[in-house]
Amino acid sequence: MGRKLALIIIGVIVLLALAGGGVAAYLLVFAKKPVAETTEEAPPPAPIKRPAFIPLDPFSVWVQPEGQKVREVIVIFHLEAPPDNVPEINSKMHLLRDRYIRELMKLDPIKVPVRFETKDLAELRNLLRQPTEEVMGKGLVTQVLLLNILSPLK
């Protein structure tokens, strides 16, 4: 009987050891690891700011289509800028408009094809970049956009 009891006790100890090993293996391999807590929280990503488009009053420009007389067309520009710059741009808009008028008055009529489009007046955008930076400051306005051309009825 002593031998049977010893075998039972050894069997129970082996079973407990195997059960403990199984639990330990599960905790080490399969259980979810606790996420290390950090004292610093990452800031949320900043929202993407879309550029603002500021319309300008229309301007008159003289063009000369191939083989035709010089005529006046109306051009509409927008300024593209970061939205944070809009208040400062609006405060200087009267100065910019004055400068644009003076620049456009100095121009000779722009030579264009008979059926011209906004791409044919792209040089106007380039011409107005420097005065824009001089009045507004460098980097305040991203670009000058030529939005439309209107031809008055005659």
N, C-alpha and C. Protein backbone atom coordinates (compact mmCIF):
# COMPACT_ATOMS: atom_id res chain seq x y z
N MET A 1 0.81 -1.17 0.00
CA MET A 1 0.00 0.00 0.00
C MET A 1 0.87 1.26 0.00
N GLY A 2 2.01 1.26 0.60
CA GLY A 2 2.91 2.39 0.64
C GLY A 2 3.44 2.73 -0.74
N ARG A 3 3.61 1.65 -1.50
CA ARG A 3 4.12 1.87 -2.85
C ARG A 3 3.05 2.51 -3.72
N LYS A 4 1.80 2.08 -3.60
CA LYS A 4 0.70 2.65 -4.38
C LYS A 4 0.50 4.12 -4.02
N LEU A 5 0.56 4.41 -2.75
CA LEU A 5 0.39 5.80 -2.30
C LEU A 5 1.51 6.68 -2.83
N ALA A 6 2.70 6.18 -2.85
CA ALA A 6 3.84 6.94 -3.36
C ALA A 6 3.66 7.21 -4.85
N LEU A 7 3.19 6.22 -5.60
CA LEU A 7 2.95 6.41 -7.04
C LEU A 7 1.83 7.43 -7.28
N ILE A 8 0.80 7.39 -6.48
CA ILE A 8 -0.30 8.37 -6.63
C ILE A 8 0.21 9.78 -6.36
N ILE A 9 1.00 9.92 -5.28
CA ILE A 9 1.53 11.25 -4.94
C ILE A 9 2.46 11.74 -6.04
N ILE A 10 3.31 10.90 -6.54
CA ILE A 10 4.21 11.29 -7.64
C ILE A 10 3.40 11.64 -8.87
N GLY A 11 2.35 10.88 -9.18
CA GLY A 11 1.48 11.17 -10.33
C GLY A 11 0.80 12.53 -10.20
N VAL A 12 0.30 12.82 -8.98
CA VAL A 12 -0.34 14.13 -8.74
C VAL A 12 0.67 15.26 -8.91
N ILE A 13 1.88 15.07 -8.41
CA ILE A 13 2.93 16.10 -8.54
C ILE A 13 3.28 16.31 -10.00
N VAL A 14 3.40 15.24 -10.79
CA VAL A 14 3.70 15.35 -12.22
C VAL A 14 2.57 16.07 -12.95
N LEU A 15 1.32 15.72 -12.61
CA LEU A 15 0.16 16.39 -13.24
C LEU A 15 0.15 17.88 -12.90
N LEU A 16 0.42 18.22 -11.65
CA LEU A 16 0.48 19.64 -11.26
C LEU A 16 1.61 20.36 -11.98
N ALA A 17 2.75 19.70 -12.13
CA ALA A 17 3.88 20.30 -12.82
C ALA A 17 3.54 20.53 -14.30
N LEU A 18 2.91 19.55 -14.92
CA LEU A 18 2.51 19.70 -16.33
C LEU A 18 1.47 20.81 -16.49
N ALA A 19 0.51 20.87 -15.59
CA ALA A 19 -0.52 21.92 -15.66
C ALA A 19 0.12 23.29 -15.47
N GLY A 20 1.03 23.40 -14.51
CA GLY A 20 1.72 24.68 -14.28
C GLY A 20 2.55 25.08 -15.48
N GLY A 21 3.23 24.12 -16.09
CA GLY A 21 4.02 24.40 -17.29
C GLY A 21 3.14 24.85 -18.45
N GLY A 22 1.97 24.21 -18.59
CA GLY A 22 1.03 24.60 -19.65
C GLY A 22 0.52 26.02 -19.46
N VAL A 23 0.17 26.36 -18.22
CA VAL A 23 -0.30 27.72 -17.92
C VAL A 23 0.82 28.73 -18.21
N ALA A 24 2.03 28.41 -17.78
CA ALA A 24 3.17 29.31 -18.00
C ALA A 24 3.42 29.49 -19.50
N ALA A 25 3.37 28.41 -20.26
CA ALA A 25 3.58 28.49 -21.71
C ALA A 25 2.49 29.35 -22.36
N TYR A 26 1.25 29.17 -21.94
CA TYR A 26 0.15 29.97 -22.49
C TYR A 26 0.38 31.46 -22.22
N LEU A 27 0.72 31.78 -20.98
CA LEU A 27 0.92 33.20 -20.62
C LEU A 27 2.10 33.81 -21.37
N LEU A 28 3.14 33.03 -21.59
CA LEU A 28 4.31 33.57 -22.29
C LEU A 28 4.10 33.69 -23.80
N VAL A 29 3.34 32.77 -24.38
CA VAL A 29 3.22 32.73 -25.84
C VAL A 29 1.93 33.36 -26.35
N PHE A 30 0.80 32.98 -25.77
CA PHE A 30 -0.48 33.34 -26.36
C PHE A 30 -1.20 34.51 -25.71
N ALA A 31 -0.93 34.80 -24.48
CA ALA A 31 -1.65 35.87 -23.80
C ALA A 31 -1.23 37.23 -24.36
N LYS A 32 -2.15 38.18 -24.36
CA LYS A 32 -1.84 39.53 -24.85
C LYS A 32 -0.86 40.19 -23.91
N LYS A 33 0.09 40.85 -24.52
CA LYS A 33 1.09 41.57 -23.75
C LYS A 33 0.50 42.92 -23.34
N PRO A 34 0.72 43.35 -22.13
CA PRO A 34 0.23 44.68 -21.75
C PRO A 34 1.01 45.75 -22.51
N VAL A 35 0.30 46.74 -23.00
CA VAL A 35 0.93 47.83 -23.73
C VAL A 35 1.66 48.70 -22.74
N ALA A 36 2.89 48.99 -23.07
CA ALA A 36 3.68 49.84 -22.18
C ALA A 36 3.05 51.22 -22.13
N GLU A 37 2.79 51.67 -20.96
CA GLU A 37 2.16 52.98 -20.81
C GLU A 37 3.22 54.05 -20.95
N THR A 38 2.88 55.06 -21.74
CA THR A 38 3.79 56.18 -21.89
C THR A 38 3.18 57.38 -21.22
N THR A 39 4.03 58.19 -20.66
CA THR A 39 3.52 59.38 -19.99
C THR A 39 3.20 60.47 -21.00
N GLU A 40 3.83 60.41 -22.18
CA GLU A 40 3.57 61.41 -23.22
C GLU A 40 2.60 60.84 -24.24
N GLU A 41 1.56 61.59 -24.50
CA GLU A 41 0.62 61.18 -25.54
C GLU A 41 1.02 61.86 -26.83
N ALA A 42 0.97 61.11 -27.92
CA ALA A 42 1.30 61.69 -29.21
C ALA A 42 0.21 62.69 -29.58
N PRO A 43 0.60 63.85 -30.09
CA PRO A 43 -0.42 64.83 -30.47
C PRO A 43 -1.20 64.31 -31.68
N PRO A 44 -2.48 64.65 -31.75
CA PRO A 44 -3.25 64.21 -32.91
C PRO A 44 -2.70 64.87 -34.16
N PRO A 45 -2.80 64.20 -35.30
CA PRO A 45 -2.27 64.81 -36.53
C PRO A 45 -3.02 66.10 -36.84
N ALA A 46 -2.26 67.09 -37.28
CA ALA A 46 -2.86 68.38 -37.61
C ALA A 46 -3.73 68.21 -38.85
N PRO A 47 -4.90 68.86 -38.86
CA PRO A 47 -5.75 68.75 -40.05
C PRO A 47 -5.07 69.42 -41.24
N ILE A 48 -5.30 68.85 -42.40
CA ILE A 48 -4.72 69.40 -43.62
C ILE A 48 -5.50 70.65 -43.99
N LYS A 49 -4.78 71.74 -44.14
CA LYS A 49 -5.43 73.00 -44.50
C LYS A 49 -5.39 73.16 -46.02
N ARG A 50 -6.54 73.34 -46.57
CA ARG A 50 -6.62 73.58 -48.01
C ARG A 50 -6.32 75.04 -48.28
N PRO A 51 -5.74 75.34 -49.44
CA PRO A 51 -5.43 76.74 -49.72
C PRO A 51 -6.71 77.55 -49.89
N ALA A 52 -6.59 78.82 -49.61
CA ALA A 52 -7.70 79.75 -49.82
C ALA A 52 -7.52 80.39 -51.19
N PHE A 53 -8.62 80.66 -51.86
CA PHE A 53 -8.59 81.33 -53.16
C PHE A 53 -9.33 82.66 -53.01
N ILE A 54 -8.58 83.74 -53.14
CA ILE A 54 -9.11 85.08 -52.91
C ILE A 54 -9.38 85.73 -54.26
N PRO A 55 -10.64 86.03 -54.57
CA PRO A 55 -10.94 86.65 -55.87
C PRO A 55 -10.53 88.11 -55.89
N LEU A 56 -10.07 88.55 -57.04
CA LEU A 56 -9.74 89.96 -57.26
C LEU A 56 -10.79 90.55 -58.20
N ASP A 57 -10.97 91.85 -58.11
CA ASP A 57 -11.86 92.52 -59.06
C ASP A 57 -11.29 92.34 -60.46
N PRO A 58 -12.14 92.35 -61.49
CA PRO A 58 -11.65 92.17 -62.87
C PRO A 58 -10.73 93.31 -63.30
N PHE A 59 -9.82 92.98 -64.21
CA PHE A 59 -8.88 93.95 -64.79
C PHE A 59 -9.03 93.97 -66.30
N SER A 60 -8.76 95.12 -66.90
CA SER A 60 -8.76 95.24 -68.36
C SER A 60 -7.36 95.00 -68.89
N VAL A 61 -7.28 94.27 -69.98
CA VAL A 61 -6.00 94.00 -70.64
C VAL A 61 -6.22 94.17 -72.14
N TRP A 62 -5.21 94.72 -72.81
CA TRP A 62 -5.29 94.89 -74.26
C TRP A 62 -4.60 93.72 -74.94
N VAL A 63 -5.32 93.12 -75.89
CA VAL A 63 -4.77 92.01 -76.66
C VAL A 63 -4.87 92.33 -78.14
N GLN A 64 -4.01 91.67 -78.92
CA GLN A 64 -4.09 91.80 -80.36
C GLN A 64 -4.11 90.42 -80.98
N PRO A 65 -5.33 89.95 -81.33
CA PRO A 65 -5.41 88.67 -82.03
C PRO A 65 -4.74 88.77 -83.40
N GLU A 66 -4.18 87.66 -83.87
CA GLU A 66 -3.48 87.64 -85.16
C GLU A 66 -4.35 88.23 -86.27
N GLY A 67 -3.81 89.22 -86.99
CA GLY A 67 -4.49 89.82 -88.14
C GLY A 67 -5.69 90.68 -87.77
N GLN A 68 -5.88 91.03 -86.51
CA GLN A 68 -7.02 91.85 -86.10
C GLN A 68 -6.53 93.08 -85.34
N LYS A 69 -7.49 93.98 -85.11
CA LYS A 69 -7.17 95.19 -84.34
C LYS A 69 -7.03 94.86 -82.86
N VAL A 70 -6.34 95.75 -82.18
CA VAL A 70 -6.19 95.63 -80.73
C VAL A 70 -7.56 95.78 -80.08
N ARG A 71 -7.81 94.95 -79.08
CA ARG A 71 -9.08 95.06 -78.37
C ARG A 71 -8.87 94.80 -76.87
N GLU A 72 -9.85 95.22 -76.12
CA GLU A 72 -9.80 95.09 -74.67
C GLU A 72 -10.52 93.80 -74.24
N VAL A 73 -9.93 93.09 -73.30
CA VAL A 73 -10.60 91.96 -72.67
C VAL A 73 -10.51 92.14 -71.16
N ILE A 74 -11.41 91.51 -70.48
CA ILE A 74 -11.43 91.56 -69.02
C ILE A 74 -10.86 90.24 -68.50
N VAL A 75 -9.92 90.33 -67.58
CA VAL A 75 -9.34 89.12 -66.99
C VAL A 75 -9.68 89.07 -65.50
N ILE A 76 -9.90 87.86 -65.03
CA ILE A 76 -10.26 87.66 -63.62
C ILE A 76 -9.17 86.80 -62.99
N PHE A 77 -8.57 87.34 -61.93
CA PHE A 77 -7.52 86.65 -61.20
C PHE A 77 -8.01 86.23 -59.82
N HIS A 78 -7.40 85.19 -59.31
CA HIS A 78 -7.55 84.79 -57.91
C HIS A 78 -6.15 84.65 -57.33
N LEU A 79 -6.03 84.92 -56.05
CA LEU A 79 -4.78 84.68 -55.36
C LEU A 79 -4.92 83.38 -54.57
N GLU A 80 -3.94 82.52 -54.67
CA GLU A 80 -3.93 81.29 -53.87
C GLU A 80 -2.99 81.54 -52.70
N ALA A 81 -3.48 81.22 -51.49
CA ALA A 81 -2.69 81.47 -50.29
C ALA A 81 -3.10 80.52 -49.18
N PRO A 82 -2.21 80.30 -48.22
CA PRO A 82 -2.61 79.53 -47.04
C PRO A 82 -3.73 80.27 -46.30
N PRO A 83 -4.69 79.55 -45.74
CA PRO A 83 -5.85 80.21 -45.12
C PRO A 83 -5.47 81.15 -43.98
N ASP A 84 -4.37 80.88 -43.30
CA ASP A 84 -3.96 81.77 -42.20
C ASP A 84 -3.51 83.14 -42.70
N ASN A 85 -3.15 83.24 -43.98
CA ASN A 85 -2.65 84.51 -44.53
C ASN A 85 -3.76 85.42 -45.06
N VAL A 86 -4.99 84.93 -45.15
CA VAL A 86 -6.08 85.69 -45.77
C VAL A 86 -6.31 87.06 -45.12
N PRO A 87 -6.37 87.18 -43.79
CA PRO A 87 -6.60 88.50 -43.21
C PRO A 87 -5.53 89.52 -43.59
N GLU A 88 -4.27 89.11 -43.58
CA GLU A 88 -3.19 90.03 -43.95
C GLU A 88 -3.27 90.41 -45.43
N ILE A 89 -3.61 89.43 -46.27
CA ILE A 89 -3.75 89.71 -47.71
C ILE A 89 -4.88 90.71 -47.92
N ASN A 90 -6.01 90.49 -47.27
CA ASN A 90 -7.15 91.41 -47.44
C ASN A 90 -6.81 92.82 -46.98
N SER A 91 -5.98 92.95 -45.96
CA SER A 91 -5.61 94.29 -45.47
C SER A 91 -4.74 95.03 -46.47
N LYS A 92 -4.04 94.32 -47.35
CA LYS A 92 -3.16 94.96 -48.35
C LYS A 92 -3.74 94.92 -49.76
N MET A 93 -4.98 94.47 -49.89
CA MET A 93 -5.56 94.27 -51.21
C MET A 93 -5.63 95.56 -52.04
N HIS A 94 -5.94 96.68 -51.41
CA HIS A 94 -6.03 97.94 -52.16
C HIS A 94 -4.66 98.32 -52.75
N LEU A 95 -3.59 98.05 -52.03
CA LEU A 95 -2.24 98.32 -52.55
C LEU A 95 -1.90 97.40 -53.71
N LEU A 96 -2.30 96.15 -53.60
CA LEU A 96 -2.02 95.19 -54.66
C LEU A 96 -2.79 95.54 -55.93
N ARG A 97 -4.06 95.91 -55.77
CA ARG A 97 -4.86 96.29 -56.94
C ARG A 97 -4.26 97.49 -57.65
N ASP A 98 -3.82 98.48 -56.90
CA ASP A 98 -3.16 99.66 -57.48
C ASP A 98 -1.92 99.23 -58.26
N ARG A 99 -1.12 98.37 -57.68
CA ARG A 99 0.11 97.94 -58.34
C ARG A 99 -0.19 97.14 -59.59
N TYR A 100 -1.21 96.28 -59.56
CA TYR A 100 -1.58 95.51 -60.75
C TYR A 100 -2.03 96.44 -61.87
N ILE A 101 -2.82 97.43 -61.55
CA ILE A 101 -3.29 98.37 -62.58
C ILE A 101 -2.10 99.07 -63.22
N ARG A 102 -1.16 99.53 -62.41
CA ARG A 102 0.02 100.21 -62.96
C ARG A 102 0.84 99.26 -63.85
N GLU A 103 0.99 98.01 -63.43
CA GLU A 103 1.74 97.04 -64.23
C GLU A 103 1.03 96.74 -65.55
N LEU A 104 -0.27 96.57 -65.50
CA LEU A 104 -1.03 96.23 -66.71
C LEU A 104 -1.11 97.41 -67.67
N MET A 105 -1.07 98.63 -67.15
CA MET A 105 -1.11 99.82 -68.02
C MET A 105 0.20 99.97 -68.80
N LYS A 106 1.30 99.49 -68.27
CA LYS A 106 2.59 99.60 -68.94
C LYS A 106 2.73 98.61 -70.10
N LEU A 107 1.89 97.60 -70.11
CA LEU A 107 2.02 96.53 -71.11
C LEU A 107 1.66 96.99 -72.51
N ASP A 108 2.41 96.50 -73.48
CA ASP A 108 1.97 96.61 -74.87
C ASP A 108 0.88 95.58 -75.05
N PRO A 109 0.03 95.74 -76.09
CA PRO A 109 -0.99 94.70 -76.31
C PRO A 109 -0.33 93.33 -76.44
N ILE A 110 -0.97 92.36 -75.84
CA ILE A 110 -0.44 90.99 -75.84
C ILE A 110 -0.86 90.31 -77.13
N LYS A 111 0.12 89.78 -77.85
CA LYS A 111 -0.16 89.08 -79.11
C LYS A 111 -0.74 87.70 -78.78
N VAL A 112 -1.90 87.40 -79.34
CA VAL A 112 -2.59 86.13 -79.09
C VAL A 112 -3.12 85.57 -80.40
N PRO A 113 -3.43 84.26 -80.44
CA PRO A 113 -4.08 83.70 -81.63
C PRO A 113 -5.50 84.27 -81.77
N VAL A 114 -6.11 84.07 -82.92
CA VAL A 114 -7.46 84.58 -83.16
C VAL A 114 -8.43 84.01 -82.12
N ARG A 115 -8.36 82.73 -81.89
CA ARG A 115 -9.21 82.09 -80.86
C ARG A 115 -8.31 81.78 -79.66
N PHE A 116 -8.19 82.72 -78.77
CA PHE A 116 -7.26 82.55 -77.65
C PHE A 116 -7.99 82.10 -76.39
N GLU A 117 -7.20 81.53 -75.49
CA GLU A 117 -7.71 81.00 -74.23
C GLU A 117 -6.85 81.53 -73.09
N THR A 118 -7.18 81.12 -71.88
CA THR A 118 -6.42 81.58 -70.71
C THR A 118 -4.94 81.18 -70.80
N LYS A 119 -4.65 80.02 -71.38
CA LYS A 119 -3.24 79.60 -71.49
C LYS A 119 -2.44 80.56 -72.36
N ASP A 120 -3.10 81.26 -73.29
CA ASP A 120 -2.41 82.21 -74.16
C ASP A 120 -2.04 83.49 -73.41
N LEU A 121 -2.62 83.69 -72.24
CA LEU A 121 -2.29 84.87 -71.43
C LEU A 121 -1.52 84.48 -70.17
N ALA A 122 -0.87 83.33 -70.23
CA ALA A 122 -0.11 82.85 -69.06
C ALA A 122 0.99 83.81 -68.66
N GLU A 123 1.49 84.58 -69.60
CA GLU A 123 2.56 85.53 -69.26
C GLU A 123 2.08 86.59 -68.26
N LEU A 124 0.77 86.83 -68.22
CA LEU A 124 0.23 87.78 -67.22
C LEU A 124 0.49 87.28 -65.80
N ARG A 125 0.30 85.99 -65.58
CA ARG A 125 0.56 85.42 -64.25
C ARG A 125 2.01 85.64 -63.85
N ASN A 126 2.91 85.37 -64.80
CA ASN A 126 4.34 85.55 -64.52
C ASN A 126 4.67 87.02 -64.28
N LEU A 127 4.04 87.90 -65.04
CA LEU A 127 4.28 89.34 -64.89
C LEU A 127 3.84 89.84 -63.52
N LEU A 128 2.79 89.27 -62.96
CA LEU A 128 2.23 89.76 -61.69
C LEU A 128 2.85 89.10 -60.46
N ARG A 129 3.70 88.12 -60.63
CA ARG A 129 4.32 87.46 -59.47
C ARG A 129 5.20 88.42 -58.67
N GLN A 130 6.07 89.13 -59.38
CA GLN A 130 7.00 90.03 -58.68
C GLN A 130 6.27 91.16 -57.96
N PRO A 131 5.33 91.87 -58.61
CA PRO A 131 4.60 92.91 -57.87
C PRO A 131 3.83 92.35 -56.67
N THR A 132 3.33 91.13 -56.80
CA THR A 132 2.60 90.50 -55.69
C THR A 132 3.53 90.32 -54.49
N GLU A 133 4.73 89.81 -54.74
CA GLU A 133 5.69 89.61 -53.65
C GLU A 133 6.17 90.94 -53.07
N GLU A 134 6.30 91.96 -53.92
CA GLU A 134 6.75 93.26 -53.42
C GLU A 134 5.71 93.90 -52.51
N VAL A 135 4.43 93.77 -52.85
CA VAL A 135 3.36 94.38 -52.05
C VAL A 135 3.03 93.52 -50.83
N MET A 136 2.87 92.23 -51.05
CA MET A 136 2.40 91.34 -49.98
C MET A 136 3.53 90.79 -49.12
N GLY A 137 4.72 90.71 -49.66
CA GLY A 137 5.83 90.06 -48.97
C GLY A 137 6.00 88.65 -49.53
N LYS A 138 7.20 88.17 -49.43
CA LYS A 138 7.52 86.85 -50.01
C LYS A 138 6.82 85.75 -49.22
N GLY A 139 6.15 84.85 -49.95
CA GLY A 139 5.52 83.68 -49.34
C GLY A 139 4.11 83.88 -48.82
N LEU A 140 3.61 85.11 -48.77
CA LEU A 140 2.26 85.33 -48.27
C LEU A 140 1.22 84.78 -49.26
N VAL A 141 1.47 85.00 -50.55
CA VAL A 141 0.62 84.48 -51.62
C VAL A 141 1.38 83.36 -52.32
N THR A 142 0.73 82.22 -52.48
CA THR A 142 1.37 81.07 -53.12
C THR A 142 1.51 81.29 -54.63
N GLN A 143 0.40 81.70 -55.26
CA GLN A 143 0.46 82.00 -56.69
C GLN A 143 -0.72 82.85 -57.13
N VAL A 144 -0.54 83.48 -58.28
CA VAL A 144 -1.59 84.27 -58.92
C VAL A 144 -2.20 83.39 -60.00
N LEU A 145 -3.50 83.20 -59.94
CA LEU A 145 -4.19 82.33 -60.89
C LEU A 145 -5.04 83.16 -61.85
N LEU A 146 -4.91 82.91 -63.13
CA LEU A 146 -5.76 83.54 -64.14
C LEU A 146 -6.98 82.66 -64.28
N LEU A 147 -8.11 83.15 -63.79
CA LEU A 147 -9.30 82.30 -63.71
C LEU A 147 -10.13 82.34 -64.99
N ASN A 148 -10.29 83.53 -65.58
CA ASN A 148 -11.18 83.64 -66.72
C ASN A 148 -10.86 84.86 -67.55
N ILE A 149 -11.31 84.83 -68.81
CA ILE A 149 -11.18 85.96 -69.73
C ILE A 149 -12.57 86.26 -70.25
N LEU A 150 -12.97 87.51 -70.15
CA LEU A 150 -14.27 87.93 -70.67
C LEU A 150 -14.03 88.95 -71.78
N SER A 151 -14.75 88.78 -72.85
CA SER A 151 -14.63 89.72 -73.97
C SER A 151 -15.91 90.55 -74.04
N PRO A 152 -15.78 91.89 -73.87
CA PRO A 152 -16.99 92.72 -73.93
C PRO A 152 -17.65 92.66 -75.30
N LEU A 153 -18.95 92.75 -75.32
CA LEU A 153 -19.70 92.77 -76.60
C LEU A 153 -19.52 94.12 -77.26
N LYS A 154 -19.37 94.11 -78.57
CA LYS A 154 -19.21 95.37 -79.31
C LYS A 154 -20.24 95.44 -80.39
